[in-house]
Amino acid sequence: KRVNMILETEQKDLLYTALAQAQVEFPTIRVNRKAFKNEYADLYAILKPVYPVLSKYGLSIRPWAGIINGEQYIGARLMHKSGQFETNVFKFESDPVKNPNDQPSHKKQGALTYFNRNHIKDMLGVLISDDPEDDDGVFCIENYCIEAQPQFHPQLTSKDACCLREHRVGNVPSRSQ
């Protein structure tokens, strides 16, 4: 049986405008955990400072999971108070358990936590850094807020457009340029 799941609304202009406005106010999230040889910000460290900003602009985000055509998919759903939403999903597969002492449910939950954290971070466009002096988002806003492209986003200000480019496209010049 084929399942048709609605993953986004046709209109997303209010959602994207609110996200662009919120991104300007998101702080740079600090790394707060170490695992193996990696450092990262856990989900609490990401969401605690951005929830008030999301709320201010009528936004919310949550992990999403569902079965599509018999296979498990996970992701994140970004929603706006207008009813507009967008869901970012992918097929979920956890690594096989190699050690007989490992619990399959623990390994699966660890993978879900990892993917939820990264989906939410990516959908929101938050910056994560281990450098307390990192202010590239502020630097961008102050120095590279060039004209918005009205043919694509007529409702955005130059400040909003800069933020979108920095977080979503990544083509903002670095300090050295």
N, C-alpha and C. Protein backbone atom coordinates (compact mmCIF):
# COMPACT_ATOMS: atom_id res chain seq x y z
N LYS A 1 0.84 -1.18 0.00
CA LYS A 1 0.00 0.00 0.00
C LYS A 1 0.88 1.24 0.00
N ARG A 2 0.67 2.12 -0.93
CA ARG A 2 1.47 3.34 -1.05
C ARG A 2 0.86 4.44 -0.16
N VAL A 3 1.73 5.11 0.59
CA VAL A 3 1.30 6.16 1.50
C VAL A 3 1.72 7.51 0.92
N ASN A 4 0.78 8.42 0.82
CA ASN A 4 1.10 9.79 0.43
C ASN A 4 1.10 10.64 1.68
N MET A 5 2.25 11.14 2.03
CA MET A 5 2.40 11.93 3.24
C MET A 5 2.70 13.37 2.85
N ILE A 6 2.02 14.30 3.47
CA ILE A 6 2.26 15.71 3.18
C ILE A 6 3.46 16.16 4.00
N LEU A 7 4.53 16.53 3.29
CA LEU A 7 5.77 16.92 3.96
C LEU A 7 5.97 18.42 3.97
N GLU A 8 5.16 19.16 3.20
CA GLU A 8 5.27 20.62 3.21
C GLU A 8 3.99 21.23 2.67
N THR A 9 3.78 22.47 3.05
CA THR A 9 2.65 23.20 2.48
C THR A 9 3.10 23.82 1.17
N GLU A 10 2.12 24.08 0.30
CA GLU A 10 2.46 24.69 -0.99
C GLU A 10 3.07 26.08 -0.79
N GLN A 11 2.45 26.87 0.06
CA GLN A 11 2.96 28.21 0.37
C GLN A 11 3.90 28.13 1.56
N LYS A 12 5.05 28.78 1.45
CA LYS A 12 6.00 28.81 2.56
C LYS A 12 6.59 30.20 2.75
N ASP A 13 6.00 31.22 2.14
CA ASP A 13 6.57 32.57 2.23
C ASP A 13 6.60 33.10 3.66
N LEU A 14 5.54 32.89 4.42
CA LEU A 14 5.52 33.37 5.82
C LEU A 14 6.50 32.59 6.68
N LEU A 15 6.60 31.30 6.44
CA LEU A 15 7.55 30.44 7.15
C LEU A 15 8.98 30.92 6.92
N TYR A 16 9.35 31.13 5.64
CA TYR A 16 10.71 31.52 5.31
C TYR A 16 11.03 32.94 5.79
N THR A 17 10.07 33.83 5.72
CA THR A 17 10.30 35.19 6.21
C THR A 17 10.55 35.17 7.71
N ALA A 18 9.72 34.44 8.44
CA ALA A 18 9.89 34.34 9.90
C ALA A 18 11.23 33.68 10.24
N LEU A 19 11.61 32.65 9.50
CA LEU A 19 12.89 31.98 9.76
C LEU A 19 14.05 32.94 9.52
N ALA A 20 14.00 33.69 8.44
CA ALA A 20 15.07 34.65 8.16
C ALA A 20 15.18 35.69 9.28
N GLN A 21 14.06 36.15 9.77
CA GLN A 21 14.07 37.13 10.86
C GLN A 21 14.62 36.50 12.14
N ALA A 22 14.25 35.27 12.40
CA ALA A 22 14.73 34.58 13.61
C ALA A 22 16.23 34.31 13.53
N GLN A 23 16.72 33.93 12.36
CA GLN A 23 18.13 33.59 12.21
C GLN A 23 19.04 34.76 12.57
N VAL A 24 18.59 35.96 12.30
CA VAL A 24 19.38 37.14 12.64
C VAL A 24 19.61 37.21 14.15
N GLU A 25 18.68 36.70 14.93
CA GLU A 25 18.76 36.78 16.39
C GLU A 25 19.34 35.53 17.05
N PHE A 26 19.53 34.44 16.29
CA PHE A 26 20.08 33.23 16.90
C PHE A 26 21.51 33.50 17.36
N PRO A 27 21.84 33.08 18.58
CA PRO A 27 23.23 33.20 19.02
C PRO A 27 24.06 32.10 18.37
N THR A 28 25.37 32.26 18.39
CA THR A 28 26.24 31.15 18.00
C THR A 28 26.20 30.16 19.15
N ILE A 29 25.90 28.92 18.83
CA ILE A 29 25.78 27.87 19.84
C ILE A 29 27.18 27.33 20.15
N ARG A 30 27.46 27.15 21.39
CA ARG A 30 28.77 26.66 21.82
C ARG A 30 28.77 25.14 21.95
N VAL A 31 29.88 24.56 21.55
CA VAL A 31 30.11 23.13 21.74
C VAL A 31 30.09 22.85 23.24
N ASN A 32 29.39 21.78 23.64
CA ASN A 32 29.33 21.46 25.08
C ASN A 32 29.53 19.98 25.40
N ARG A 33 29.81 19.18 24.39
CA ARG A 33 29.99 17.73 24.62
C ARG A 33 31.18 17.21 23.82
N LYS A 34 31.74 16.11 24.33
CA LYS A 34 32.81 15.40 23.62
C LYS A 34 32.42 13.94 23.56
N ALA A 35 32.64 13.35 22.41
CA ALA A 35 32.42 11.91 22.24
C ALA A 35 33.44 11.40 21.24
N PHE A 36 34.13 10.37 21.62
CA PHE A 36 35.21 9.83 20.80
C PHE A 36 36.20 10.96 20.53
N LYS A 37 36.40 11.32 19.29
CA LYS A 37 37.33 12.40 18.96
C LYS A 37 36.61 13.66 18.50
N ASN A 38 35.30 13.69 18.66
CA ASN A 38 34.51 14.82 18.18
C ASN A 38 33.96 15.67 19.31
N GLU A 39 33.75 16.95 19.01
CA GLU A 39 33.06 17.85 19.93
C GLU A 39 31.78 18.30 19.23
N TYR A 40 30.72 18.48 20.02
CA TYR A 40 29.45 18.88 19.43
C TYR A 40 28.59 19.59 20.47
N ALA A 41 27.54 20.22 19.99
CA ALA A 41 26.53 20.82 20.87
C ALA A 41 25.36 19.85 20.93
N ASP A 42 24.95 19.49 22.14
CA ASP A 42 23.82 18.58 22.25
C ASP A 42 22.50 19.32 21.92
N LEU A 43 21.43 18.57 21.82
CA LEU A 43 20.15 19.14 21.39
C LEU A 43 19.66 20.21 22.37
N TYR A 44 19.87 20.01 23.65
CA TYR A 44 19.47 21.00 24.64
C TYR A 44 20.24 22.32 24.42
N ALA A 45 21.55 22.21 24.19
CA ALA A 45 22.37 23.42 23.97
C ALA A 45 21.93 24.16 22.70
N ILE A 46 21.43 23.44 21.72
CA ILE A 46 20.96 24.07 20.49
C ILE A 46 19.60 24.71 20.71
N LEU A 47 18.66 23.98 21.30
CA LEU A 47 17.28 24.46 21.37
C LEU A 47 17.02 25.48 22.48
N LYS A 48 17.68 25.36 23.62
CA LYS A 48 17.38 26.28 24.73
C LYS A 48 17.51 27.75 24.32
N PRO A 49 18.59 28.18 23.66
CA PRO A 49 18.67 29.60 23.30
C PRO A 49 17.84 30.00 22.08
N VAL A 50 17.45 29.03 21.25
CA VAL A 50 16.69 29.42 20.05
C VAL A 50 15.18 29.35 20.25
N TYR A 51 14.69 28.57 21.22
CA TYR A 51 13.24 28.49 21.43
C TYR A 51 12.58 29.85 21.63
N PRO A 52 13.14 30.74 22.47
CA PRO A 52 12.49 32.05 22.63
C PRO A 52 12.44 32.85 21.33
N VAL A 53 13.47 32.72 20.52
CA VAL A 53 13.51 33.44 19.23
C VAL A 53 12.49 32.83 18.27
N LEU A 54 12.43 31.52 18.22
CA LEU A 54 11.43 30.86 17.38
C LEU A 54 10.03 31.31 17.77
N SER A 55 9.75 31.30 19.06
CA SER A 55 8.44 31.69 19.56
C SER A 55 8.11 33.13 19.18
N LYS A 56 9.07 34.01 19.28
CA LYS A 56 8.87 35.42 18.96
C LYS A 56 8.36 35.60 17.53
N TYR A 57 8.81 34.73 16.61
CA TYR A 57 8.42 34.84 15.21
C TYR A 57 7.38 33.80 14.78
N GLY A 58 6.74 33.18 15.76
CA GLY A 58 5.65 32.24 15.46
C GLY A 58 6.13 30.93 14.85
N LEU A 59 7.34 30.53 15.19
CA LEU A 59 7.91 29.30 14.65
C LEU A 59 8.04 28.23 15.72
N SER A 60 8.01 26.99 15.28
CA SER A 60 8.32 25.87 16.17
C SER A 60 8.98 24.79 15.31
N ILE A 61 9.74 23.94 15.98
CA ILE A 61 10.41 22.84 15.28
C ILE A 61 10.35 21.62 16.16
N ARG A 62 10.26 20.48 15.53
CA ARG A 62 10.23 19.24 16.30
C ARG A 62 10.79 18.11 15.47
N PRO A 63 11.31 17.08 16.14
CA PRO A 63 11.73 15.90 15.39
C PRO A 63 10.51 15.26 14.72
N TRP A 64 10.71 14.60 13.63
CA TRP A 64 9.63 13.96 12.89
C TRP A 64 10.05 12.55 12.58
N ALA A 65 9.14 11.62 12.69
CA ALA A 65 9.40 10.23 12.31
C ALA A 65 8.13 9.65 11.71
N GLY A 66 8.30 8.79 10.74
CA GLY A 66 7.14 8.16 10.12
C GLY A 66 7.55 6.98 9.27
N ILE A 67 6.56 6.20 8.92
CA ILE A 67 6.77 5.05 8.04
C ILE A 67 6.25 5.43 6.67
N ILE A 68 7.09 5.35 5.67
CA ILE A 68 6.70 5.64 4.29
C ILE A 68 6.99 4.39 3.48
N ASN A 69 5.94 3.83 2.91
CA ASN A 69 6.06 2.61 2.11
C ASN A 69 6.81 1.50 2.86
N GLY A 70 6.50 1.36 4.15
CA GLY A 70 7.05 0.28 4.95
C GLY A 70 8.45 0.52 5.49
N GLU A 71 9.02 1.69 5.24
CA GLU A 71 10.38 1.97 5.71
C GLU A 71 10.36 3.17 6.65
N GLN A 72 11.26 3.14 7.65
CA GLN A 72 11.29 4.21 8.63
C GLN A 72 12.05 5.41 8.10
N TYR A 73 11.42 6.59 8.25
CA TYR A 73 12.03 7.86 7.88
C TYR A 73 12.04 8.75 9.10
N ILE A 74 13.08 9.57 9.24
CA ILE A 74 13.14 10.53 10.32
C ILE A 74 13.54 11.88 9.75
N GLY A 75 13.39 12.90 10.56
CA GLY A 75 13.79 14.24 10.14
C GLY A 75 13.32 15.27 11.13
N ALA A 76 13.04 16.45 10.62
CA ALA A 76 12.57 17.55 11.45
C ALA A 76 11.49 18.30 10.69
N ARG A 77 10.52 18.83 11.42
CA ARG A 77 9.46 19.64 10.84
C ARG A 77 9.52 21.03 11.44
N LEU A 78 9.65 22.03 10.56
CA LEU A 78 9.64 23.43 10.93
C LEU A 78 8.27 23.97 10.60
N MET A 79 7.62 24.59 11.61
CA MET A 79 6.24 25.05 11.44
C MET A 79 6.11 26.52 11.78
N HIS A 80 5.15 27.18 11.11
CA HIS A 80 4.84 28.59 11.37
C HIS A 80 3.40 28.68 11.85
N LYS A 81 3.10 29.70 12.66
CA LYS A 81 1.76 29.85 13.22
C LYS A 81 0.69 30.01 12.14
N SER A 82 1.07 30.36 10.92
CA SER A 82 0.12 30.49 9.82
C SER A 82 -0.38 29.14 9.32
N GLY A 83 0.29 28.07 9.74
CA GLY A 83 -0.04 26.74 9.25
C GLY A 83 0.95 26.25 8.20
N GLN A 84 1.83 27.12 7.75
CA GLN A 84 2.85 26.71 6.78
C GLN A 84 3.90 25.86 7.48
N PHE A 85 4.40 24.84 6.78
CA PHE A 85 5.43 23.99 7.37
C PHE A 85 6.27 23.34 6.28
N GLU A 86 7.42 22.85 6.70
CA GLU A 86 8.33 22.14 5.82
C GLU A 86 8.96 21.02 6.63
N THR A 87 9.07 19.84 6.05
CA THR A 87 9.65 18.70 6.73
C THR A 87 10.85 18.20 5.93
N ASN A 88 11.94 18.01 6.62
CA ASN A 88 13.16 17.48 6.00
C ASN A 88 13.29 16.04 6.47
N VAL A 89 13.21 15.08 5.57
CA VAL A 89 13.23 13.67 5.97
C VAL A 89 14.25 12.88 5.17
N PHE A 90 14.68 11.78 5.74
CA PHE A 90 15.49 10.81 5.02
C PHE A 90 15.28 9.44 5.64
N LYS A 91 15.60 8.43 4.86
CA LYS A 91 15.43 7.05 5.33
C LYS A 91 16.40 6.79 6.47
N PHE A 92 15.88 6.25 7.56
CA PHE A 92 16.69 6.00 8.74
C PHE A 92 17.18 4.57 8.76
N GLU A 93 18.49 4.44 8.92
CA GLU A 93 19.11 3.14 9.11
C GLU A 93 20.21 3.31 10.15
N SER A 94 20.13 2.58 11.24
CA SER A 94 21.21 2.66 12.24
C SER A 94 22.27 1.63 11.87
N ASP A 95 23.48 1.86 12.36
CA ASP A 95 24.57 0.93 12.11
C ASP A 95 24.26 -0.40 12.78
N PRO A 96 24.70 -1.49 12.18
CA PRO A 96 24.45 -2.80 12.82
C PRO A 96 25.24 -2.91 14.12
N VAL A 97 24.71 -3.69 15.03
CA VAL A 97 25.39 -3.94 16.30
C VAL A 97 26.48 -4.97 16.05
N LYS A 98 27.73 -4.57 16.34
CA LYS A 98 28.86 -5.47 16.11
C LYS A 98 29.32 -6.16 17.38
N ASN A 99 29.21 -5.46 18.49
CA ASN A 99 29.63 -5.99 19.78
C ASN A 99 28.45 -6.70 20.43
N PRO A 100 28.61 -7.96 20.82
CA PRO A 100 27.48 -8.67 21.44
C PRO A 100 27.00 -8.05 22.75
N ASN A 101 27.83 -7.21 23.39
CA ASN A 101 27.43 -6.55 24.63
C ASN A 101 26.61 -5.28 24.38
N ASP A 102 26.58 -4.80 23.15
CA ASP A 102 25.79 -3.61 22.81
C ASP A 102 24.31 -3.95 22.74
N GLN A 103 23.50 -3.03 23.18
CA GLN A 103 22.05 -3.19 23.09
C GLN A 103 21.56 -2.57 21.79
N PRO A 104 20.87 -3.32 20.94
CA PRO A 104 20.38 -2.74 19.69
C PRO A 104 19.51 -1.50 19.89
N SER A 105 18.67 -1.50 20.93
CA SER A 105 17.81 -0.35 21.16
C SER A 105 18.62 0.88 21.56
N HIS A 106 19.70 0.69 22.33
CA HIS A 106 20.56 1.80 22.73
C HIS A 106 21.28 2.39 21.51
N LYS A 107 21.77 1.53 20.64
CA LYS A 107 22.46 1.97 19.43
C LYS A 107 21.50 2.73 18.52
N LYS A 108 20.28 2.23 18.40
CA LYS A 108 19.28 2.91 17.55
C LYS A 108 18.92 4.27 18.14
N GLN A 109 18.72 4.35 19.47
CA GLN A 109 18.39 5.62 20.10
C GLN A 109 19.53 6.62 19.95
N GLY A 110 20.76 6.17 20.04
CA GLY A 110 21.91 7.05 19.84
C GLY A 110 21.93 7.61 18.42
N ALA A 111 21.62 6.76 17.45
CA ALA A 111 21.57 7.22 16.05
C ALA A 111 20.43 8.21 15.86
N LEU A 112 19.27 7.94 16.46
CA LEU A 112 18.14 8.88 16.35
C LEU A 112 18.49 10.24 16.96
N THR A 113 19.13 10.23 18.11
CA THR A 113 19.52 11.47 18.77
C THR A 113 20.49 12.25 17.88
N TYR A 114 21.46 11.56 17.32
CA TYR A 114 22.44 12.19 16.44
C TYR A 114 21.75 12.84 15.23
N PHE A 115 20.89 12.09 14.57
CA PHE A 115 20.23 12.62 13.37
C PHE A 115 19.23 13.73 13.71
N ASN A 116 18.50 13.60 14.81
CA ASN A 116 17.57 14.67 15.22
C ASN A 116 18.33 15.97 15.48
N ARG A 117 19.42 15.87 16.19
CA ARG A 117 20.23 17.05 16.50
C ARG A 117 20.70 17.73 15.22
N ASN A 118 21.20 16.95 14.30
CA ASN A 118 21.73 17.53 13.07
C ASN A 118 20.64 18.04 12.13
N HIS A 119 19.52 17.36 12.04
CA HIS A 119 18.40 17.85 11.22
C HIS A 119 17.89 19.18 11.74
N ILE A 120 17.69 19.27 13.05
CA ILE A 120 17.16 20.50 13.63
C ILE A 120 18.16 21.64 13.45
N LYS A 121 19.42 21.38 13.71
CA LYS A 121 20.47 22.39 13.53
C LYS A 121 20.49 22.89 12.09
N ASP A 122 20.44 21.97 11.15
CA ASP A 122 20.51 22.35 9.73
C ASP A 122 19.26 23.09 9.27
N MET A 123 18.09 22.65 9.70
CA MET A 123 16.86 23.34 9.28
C MET A 123 16.80 24.75 9.81
N LEU A 124 17.28 24.96 11.02
CA LEU A 124 17.24 26.30 11.60
C LEU A 124 18.38 27.18 11.10
N GLY A 125 19.45 26.57 10.64
CA GLY A 125 20.60 27.33 10.19
C GLY A 125 21.39 27.93 11.33
N VAL A 126 21.42 27.26 12.49
CA VAL A 126 22.19 27.78 13.61
C VAL A 126 23.67 27.50 13.39
N LEU A 127 24.49 28.37 13.94
CA LEU A 127 25.93 28.22 13.86
C LEU A 127 26.42 27.60 15.15
N ILE A 128 27.34 26.62 15.03
CA ILE A 128 27.91 25.98 16.20
C ILE A 128 29.42 26.13 16.13
N SER A 129 30.00 26.56 17.24
CA SER A 129 31.43 26.80 17.26
C SER A 129 32.01 26.46 18.62
N ASP A 130 33.29 26.06 18.62
CA ASP A 130 33.98 25.86 19.89
C ASP A 130 34.84 27.07 20.23
N ASP A 131 34.76 28.11 19.41
CA ASP A 131 35.54 29.33 19.62
C ASP A 131 34.66 30.41 20.25
N PRO A 132 34.91 30.80 21.50
CA PRO A 132 34.07 31.80 22.15
C PRO A 132 34.14 33.17 21.48
N GLU A 133 35.14 33.40 20.63
CA GLU A 133 35.26 34.67 19.92
C GLU A 133 34.58 34.63 18.56
N ASP A 134 33.98 33.52 18.19
CA ASP A 134 33.35 33.36 16.88
C ASP A 134 32.14 34.27 16.77
N ASP A 135 32.19 35.19 15.83
CA ASP A 135 31.08 36.12 15.63
C ASP A 135 30.79 36.33 14.14
N ASP A 136 31.06 35.32 13.33
CA ASP A 136 30.89 35.48 11.89
C ASP A 136 29.48 35.89 11.51
N GLY A 137 28.48 35.43 12.26
CA GLY A 137 27.10 35.84 11.95
C GLY A 137 26.92 37.33 12.13
N VAL A 138 27.44 37.87 13.23
CA VAL A 138 27.37 39.31 13.48
C VAL A 138 28.19 40.06 12.44
N PHE A 139 29.37 39.53 12.11
CA PHE A 139 30.24 40.16 11.12
C PHE A 139 29.52 40.25 9.78
N CYS A 140 28.85 39.19 9.39
CA CYS A 140 28.10 39.18 8.13
C CYS A 140 27.02 40.26 8.14
N ILE A 141 26.24 40.30 9.19
CA ILE A 141 25.14 41.25 9.26
C ILE A 141 25.65 42.68 9.19
N GLU A 142 26.77 42.94 9.87
CA GLU A 142 27.30 44.31 9.91
C GLU A 142 28.02 44.70 8.63
N ASN A 143 28.58 43.73 7.89
CA ASN A 143 29.46 44.08 6.78
C ASN A 143 29.03 43.60 5.40
N TYR A 144 28.17 42.61 5.30
CA TYR A 144 27.85 42.05 4.00
C TYR A 144 26.36 41.96 3.72
N CYS A 145 25.55 42.80 4.33
CA CYS A 145 24.12 42.75 4.09
C CYS A 145 23.80 43.51 2.82
N ILE A 146 24.03 42.84 1.72
CA ILE A 146 23.80 43.46 0.41
C ILE A 146 22.34 43.29 0.03
N GLU A 147 21.96 43.89 -1.04
CA GLU A 147 20.57 43.93 -1.46
C GLU A 147 19.94 42.54 -1.54
N ALA A 148 18.74 42.41 -1.05
CA ALA A 148 17.96 41.18 -1.22
C ALA A 148 17.58 41.08 -2.68
N GLN A 149 17.35 39.88 -3.14
CA GLN A 149 16.94 39.68 -4.53
C GLN A 149 15.42 39.65 -4.56
N PRO A 150 14.78 40.79 -4.87
CA PRO A 150 13.33 40.90 -4.76
C PRO A 150 12.57 39.93 -5.66
N GLN A 151 13.19 39.49 -6.75
CA GLN A 151 12.47 38.56 -7.62
C GLN A 151 12.24 37.21 -6.94
N PHE A 152 13.07 36.88 -5.92
CA PHE A 152 12.91 35.61 -5.21
C PHE A 152 12.19 35.77 -3.88
N HIS A 153 12.51 36.82 -3.15
CA HIS A 153 11.95 37.02 -1.82
C HIS A 153 11.60 38.48 -1.63
N PRO A 154 10.53 38.97 -2.23
CA PRO A 154 10.21 40.39 -2.15
C PRO A 154 9.94 40.88 -0.73
N GLN A 155 9.58 39.99 0.18
CA GLN A 155 9.25 40.41 1.54
C GLN A 155 10.48 40.54 2.44
N LEU A 156 11.66 40.11 1.99
CA LEU A 156 12.83 40.12 2.84
C LEU A 156 13.58 41.44 2.78
N THR A 157 14.13 41.83 3.91
CA THR A 157 15.00 43.00 3.95
C THR A 157 16.41 42.55 3.58
N SER A 158 17.31 43.49 3.39
CA SER A 158 18.71 43.15 3.10
C SER A 158 19.31 42.34 4.24
N LYS A 159 18.98 42.69 5.47
CA LYS A 159 19.49 41.97 6.64
C LYS A 159 19.02 40.52 6.61
N ASP A 160 17.74 40.31 6.28
CA ASP A 160 17.20 38.95 6.18
C ASP A 160 17.92 38.17 5.10
N ALA A 161 18.12 38.79 3.96
CA ALA A 161 18.75 38.10 2.83
C ALA A 161 20.18 37.70 3.16
N CYS A 162 20.90 38.55 3.87
CA CYS A 162 22.26 38.22 4.28
C CYS A 162 22.24 36.99 5.16
N CYS A 163 21.33 36.96 6.08
CA CYS A 163 21.22 35.85 7.00
C CYS A 163 20.91 34.56 6.25
N LEU A 164 20.00 34.63 5.30
CA LEU A 164 19.68 33.45 4.51
C LEU A 164 20.90 32.96 3.75
N ARG A 165 21.64 33.88 3.14
CA ARG A 165 22.83 33.46 2.39
C ARG A 165 23.85 32.83 3.32
N GLU A 166 24.05 33.41 4.49
CA GLU A 166 25.05 32.88 5.40
C GLU A 166 24.69 31.47 5.88
N HIS A 167 23.45 31.28 6.25
CA HIS A 167 23.07 30.01 6.88
C HIS A 167 22.62 28.95 5.89
N ARG A 168 22.01 29.33 4.82
CA ARG A 168 21.42 28.34 3.93
C ARG A 168 22.29 28.06 2.71
N VAL A 169 23.02 29.04 2.22
CA VAL A 169 23.78 28.87 0.99
C VAL A 169 25.27 28.83 1.26
N GLY A 170 25.72 29.60 2.23
CA GLY A 170 27.12 29.55 2.62
C GLY A 170 28.06 30.29 1.69
N ASN A 171 27.58 31.28 0.92
CA ASN A 171 28.45 31.98 0.00
C ASN A 171 28.80 33.39 0.45
N VAL A 172 28.72 33.64 1.72
CA VAL A 172 29.08 34.95 2.25
C VAL A 172 30.60 35.01 2.33
N PRO A 173 31.22 36.10 1.89
CA PRO A 173 32.69 36.19 1.94
C PRO A 173 33.20 36.06 3.37
N SER A 174 34.35 35.45 3.51
CA SER A 174 34.95 35.34 4.84
C SER A 174 35.66 36.63 5.17
N ARG A 175 36.12 36.73 6.42
CA ARG A 175 36.82 37.94 6.86
C ARG A 175 38.05 38.22 6.02
N SER A 176 38.70 37.18 5.53
CA SER A 176 39.96 37.38 4.80
C SER A 176 39.74 37.86 3.36
N GLN A 177 38.51 37.83 2.87
CA GLN A 177 38.26 38.24 1.49
C GLN A 177 38.02 39.73 1.39
